[in-house]
Amino acid sequence: MEFAYDTLEPLGQRAVYAKGEKILVRGDRERCLYYVEQGGVEVAFGENGTTIAVAYIGPGEFFGETGFFDGVSRVRDVRATERTVLRLVDWHTMEALRRCDPHRYSAVITDVARSVCAKFRRVLEGARTP
């Protein structure tokens, strides 16, 4: 998936996480969108002391889209699988962009939508694998 990173880069803050460091915890309520610049993250959930990884997200991909858009608490834990560099964009920054520069806003939102679609397609293709 092609993404115009130069549209997103000036909007968000850069954050670096060490291998194993928690990025999101189930129940968090922050409204941030995350873009993986380098490294990777594991999305997981835990029940009764067991953790189950449900996705790996690598460079050039977004995560946190659902909580970003609906404002409901996070439903999965996310941790860095290696040294990871993220670009974080909060809701207020995106709302300001929407008002001030609708064209750039549209470009970012379109890329986020493409990222979500690519994830769903991977899940569906994985479900078809015997």
C-alpha atoms as a PDB file:
ATOM      1  CA  MET A   1       0.000   0.000   0.000  1.00  0.00           C
ATOM      2  CA  GLU A   2       1.397   3.373  -1.036  1.00  0.00           C
ATOM      3  CA  PHE A   3       1.146   6.060   1.630  1.00  0.00           C
ATOM      4  CA  ALA A   4       2.067   9.728   1.387  1.00  0.00           C
ATOM      5  CA  TYR A   5       4.009   9.878   4.658  1.00  0.00           C
ATOM      6  CA  ASP A   6       4.925  13.519   4.147  1.00  0.00           C
ATOM      7  CA  THR A   7       1.251  14.348   4.768  1.00  0.00           C
ATOM      8  CA  LEU A   8       1.252  12.684   8.194  1.00  0.00           C
ATOM      9  CA  GLU A   9       4.791  13.331   9.425  1.00  0.00           C
ATOM     10  CA  PRO A  10       4.401  17.015  10.400  1.00  0.00           C
ATOM     11  CA  LEU A  11       1.105  16.354  12.186  1.00  0.00           C
ATOM     12  CA  GLY A  12       2.116  13.904  14.851  1.00  0.00           C
ATOM     13  CA  GLN A  13       4.706  13.400  17.480  1.00  0.00           C
ATOM     14  CA  ARG A  14       7.413  10.778  17.205  1.00  0.00           C
ATOM     15  CA  ALA A  15       7.587   8.145  19.938  1.00  0.00           C
ATOM     16  CA  VAL A  16      10.163   5.398  20.406  1.00  0.00           C
ATOM     17  CA  TYR A  17       9.387   2.169  22.276  1.00  0.00           C
ATOM     18  CA  ALA A  18      11.761  -0.547  23.442  1.00  0.00           C
ATOM     19  CA  LYS A  19      11.191  -4.218  22.695  1.00  0.00           C
ATOM     20  CA  GLY A  20       8.381  -5.502  24.928  1.00  0.00           C
ATOM     21  CA  GLU A  21       7.250  -2.032  25.995  1.00  0.00           C
ATOM     22  CA  LYS A  22       3.493  -1.511  26.251  1.00  0.00           C
ATOM     23  CA  ILE A  23       2.050   1.052  23.875  1.00  0.00           C
ATOM     24  CA  LEU A  24      -1.677   0.597  24.517  1.00  0.00           C
ATOM     25  CA  VAL A  25      -3.427  -1.219  27.306  1.00  0.00           C
ATOM     26  CA  ARG A  26      -6.949  -2.556  27.118  1.00  0.00           C
ATOM     27  CA  GLY A  27      -9.246   0.081  28.623  1.00  0.00           C
ATOM     28  CA  ASP A  28      -7.130   3.106  27.581  1.00  0.00           C
ATOM     29  CA  ARG A  29      -9.323   5.970  26.408  1.00  0.00           C
ATOM     30  CA  GLU A  30      -6.870   8.182  24.525  1.00  0.00           C
ATOM     31  CA  ARG A  31      -7.864   9.115  20.975  1.00  0.00           C
ATOM     32  CA  CYS A  32      -4.618   8.707  19.080  1.00  0.00           C
ATOM     33  CA  LEU A  33      -3.912   7.195  15.708  1.00  0.00           C
ATOM     34  CA  TYR A  34      -0.627   5.317  15.446  1.00  0.00           C
ATOM     35  CA  TYR A  35       1.581   4.878  12.378  1.00  0.00           C
ATOM     36  CA  VAL A  36       4.530   2.458  12.469  1.00  0.00           C
ATOM     37  CA  GLU A  37       7.621   4.126  11.012  1.00  0.00           C
ATOM     38  CA  GLN A  38      10.099   1.426  12.063  1.00  0.00           C
ATOM     39  CA  GLY A  39       9.868  -1.833  13.965  1.00  0.00           C
ATOM     40  CA  GLY A  40       6.650  -3.616  14.733  1.00  0.00           C
ATOM     41  CA  VAL A  41       3.913  -4.169  17.269  1.00  0.00           C
ATOM     42  CA  GLU A  42       1.857  -7.101  18.463  1.00  0.00           C
ATOM     43  CA  VAL A  43      -1.852  -6.702  19.137  1.00  0.00           C
ATOM     44  CA  ALA A  44      -3.074  -9.141  21.783  1.00  0.00           C
ATOM     45  CA  PHE A  45      -5.697  -9.798  24.391  1.00  0.00           C
ATOM     46  CA  GLY A  46      -5.543 -11.717  27.607  1.00  0.00           C
ATOM     47  CA  GLU A  47      -8.022 -13.799  29.519  1.00  0.00           C
ATOM     48  CA  ASN A  48      -7.407 -15.785  32.694  1.00  0.00           C
ATOM     49  CA  GLY A  49      -3.642 -15.314  32.515  1.00  0.00           C
ATOM     50  CA  THR A  50      -3.344 -16.344  28.863  1.00  0.00           C
ATOM     51  CA  THR A  51      -2.285 -13.860  26.187  1.00  0.00           C
ATOM     52  CA  ILE A  52      -3.297 -14.450  22.583  1.00  0.00           C
ATOM     53  CA  ALA A  53      -1.649 -12.468  19.777  1.00  0.00           C
ATOM     54  CA  VAL A  54      -4.195 -11.502  17.144  1.00  0.00           C
ATOM     55  CA  ALA A  55      -2.114  -9.353  14.792  1.00  0.00           C
ATOM     56  CA  TYR A  56       1.344  -8.131  13.935  1.00  0.00           C
ATOM     57  CA  ILE A  57       1.595  -4.614  12.522  1.00  0.00           C
ATOM     58  CA  GLY A  58       4.761  -3.506  10.795  1.00  0.00           C
ATOM     59  CA  PRO A  59       6.305  -0.490   9.110  1.00  0.00           C
ATOM     60  CA  GLY A  60       3.964   1.572   6.963  1.00  0.00           C
ATOM     61  CA  GLU A  61       0.823   0.438   8.779  1.00  0.00           C
ATOM     62  CA  PHE A  62      -1.612   2.155  11.113  1.00  0.00           C
ATOM     63  CA  PHE A  63      -3.209   0.859  14.291  1.00  0.00           C
ATOM     64  CA  GLY A  64      -5.627   2.238  16.850  1.00  0.00           C
ATOM     65  CA  GLU A  65      -8.104   3.322  14.175  1.00  0.00           C
ATOM     66  CA  THR A  66     -11.261   2.109  15.898  1.00  0.00           C
ATOM     67  CA  GLY A  67     -10.577   3.822  19.232  1.00  0.00           C
ATOM     68  CA  PHE A  68      -9.419   6.924  17.402  1.00  0.00           C
ATOM     69  CA  PHE A  69     -12.673   7.288  15.484  1.00  0.00           C
ATOM     70  CA  ASP A  70     -15.258   6.069  17.982  1.00  0.00           C
ATOM     71  CA  GLY A  71     -13.638   7.341  21.188  1.00  0.00           C
ATOM     72  CA  VAL A  72     -14.440   4.133  23.068  1.00  0.00           C
ATOM     73  CA  SER A  73     -11.784   2.515  25.230  1.00  0.00           C
ATOM     74  CA  ARG A  74      -9.189   0.245  23.652  1.00  0.00           C
ATOM     75  CA  VAL A  75     -10.103  -3.438  23.501  1.00  0.00           C
ATOM     76  CA  ARG A  76      -6.635  -4.933  22.936  1.00  0.00           C
ATOM     77  CA  ASP A  77      -3.160  -4.585  24.358  1.00  0.00           C
ATOM     78  CA  VAL A  78      -0.386  -3.450  22.016  1.00  0.00           C
ATOM     79  CA  ARG A  79       3.321  -3.850  22.673  1.00  0.00           C
ATOM     80  CA  ALA A  80       6.498  -3.331  20.688  1.00  0.00           C
ATOM     81  CA  THR A  81       8.016  -6.550  19.323  1.00  0.00           C
ATOM     82  CA  GLU A  82      11.357  -4.800  18.770  1.00  0.00           C
ATOM     83  CA  ARG A  83      12.646  -1.235  19.004  1.00  0.00           C
ATOM     84  CA  THR A  84       9.757   0.602  17.377  1.00  0.00           C
ATOM     85  CA  VAL A  85       9.321   4.156  16.135  1.00  0.00           C
ATOM     86  CA  LEU A  86       5.744   5.416  15.880  1.00  0.00           C
ATOM     87  CA  ARG A  87       4.089   8.596  14.695  1.00  0.00           C
ATOM     88  CA  LEU A  88       1.144   9.496  16.980  1.00  0.00           C
ATOM     89  CA  VAL A  89      -1.600  11.843  15.823  1.00  0.00           C
ATOM     90  CA  ASP A  90      -4.302  12.841  18.272  1.00  0.00           C
ATOM     91  CA  TRP A  91      -7.966  13.587  17.575  1.00  0.00           C
ATOM     92  CA  HIS A  92      -7.654  17.340  18.155  1.00  0.00           C
ATOM     93  CA  THR A  93      -4.822  17.632  15.631  1.00  0.00           C
ATOM     94  CA  MET A  94      -6.853  15.785  12.999  1.00  0.00           C
ATOM     95  CA  GLU A  95      -9.922  17.926  13.688  1.00  0.00           C
ATOM     96  CA  ALA A  96      -7.819  21.082  13.274  1.00  0.00           C
ATOM     97  CA  LEU A  97      -6.457  19.706   9.999  1.00  0.00           C
ATOM     98  CA  ARG A  98      -9.992  18.933   8.806  1.00  0.00           C
ATOM     99  CA  ARG A  99     -10.990  22.544   9.352  1.00  0.00           C
ATOM    100  CA  CYS A 100      -7.811  24.200   8.039  1.00  0.00           C
ATOM    101  CA  ASP A 101      -6.736  21.915   5.193  1.00  0.00           C
ATOM    102  CA  PRO A 102      -9.517  19.544   4.067  1.00  0.00           C
ATOM    103  CA  HIS A 103      -7.408  18.248   1.158  1.00  0.00           C
ATOM    104  CA  ARG A 104      -4.578  17.027   3.418  1.00  0.00           C
ATOM    105  CA  TYR A 105      -7.132  15.696   5.920  1.00  0.00           C
ATOM    106  CA  SER A 106      -8.802  13.726   3.156  1.00  0.00           C
ATOM    107  CA  ALA A 107      -5.461  12.261   2.059  1.00  0.00           C
ATOM    108  CA  VAL A 108      -4.694  11.007   5.577  1.00  0.00           C
ATOM    109  CA  ILE A 109      -8.195   9.609   6.165  1.00  0.00           C
ATOM    110  CA  THR A 110      -8.127   7.847   2.794  1.00  0.00           C
ATOM    111  CA  ASP A 111      -4.833   6.191   3.717  1.00  0.00           C
ATOM    112  CA  VAL A 112      -6.221   5.127   7.097  1.00  0.00           C
ATOM    113  CA  ALA A 113      -9.278   3.622   5.365  1.00  0.00           C
ATOM    114  CA  ARG A 114      -7.009   1.722   2.967  1.00  0.00           C
ATOM    115  CA  SER A 115      -5.030   0.400   5.939  1.00  0.00           C
ATOM    116  CA  VAL A 116      -8.220  -0.835   7.626  1.00  0.00           C
ATOM    117  CA  CYS A 117      -9.350  -2.523   4.399  1.00  0.00           C
ATOM    118  CA  ALA A 118      -5.984  -4.248   3.980  1.00  0.00           C
ATOM    119  CA  LYS A 119      -6.232  -5.624   7.536  1.00  0.00           C
ATOM    120  CA  PHE A 120      -9.739  -6.954   6.957  1.00  0.00           C
ATOM    121  CA  ARG A 121      -8.637  -8.575   3.718  1.00  0.00           C
ATOM    122  CA  ARG A 122      -5.737 -10.319   5.521  1.00  0.00           C
ATOM    123  CA  VAL A 123      -8.148 -11.616   8.161  1.00  0.00           C
ATOM    124  CA  LEU A 124     -10.584 -12.881   5.531  1.00  0.00           C
ATOM    125  CA  GLU A 125      -7.845 -14.536   3.493  1.00  0.00           C
ATOM    126  CA  GLY A 126      -6.476 -16.167   6.640  1.00  0.00           C
ATOM    127  CA  ALA A 127      -9.935 -17.486   7.489  1.00  0.00           C
ATOM    128  CA  ARG A 128     -10.075 -19.261   4.128  1.00  0.00           C
ATOM    129  CA  THR A 129      -6.751 -21.036   4.659  1.00  0.00           C
ATOM    130  CA  PRO A 130      -7.337 -24.693   5.687  1.00  0.00           C
END
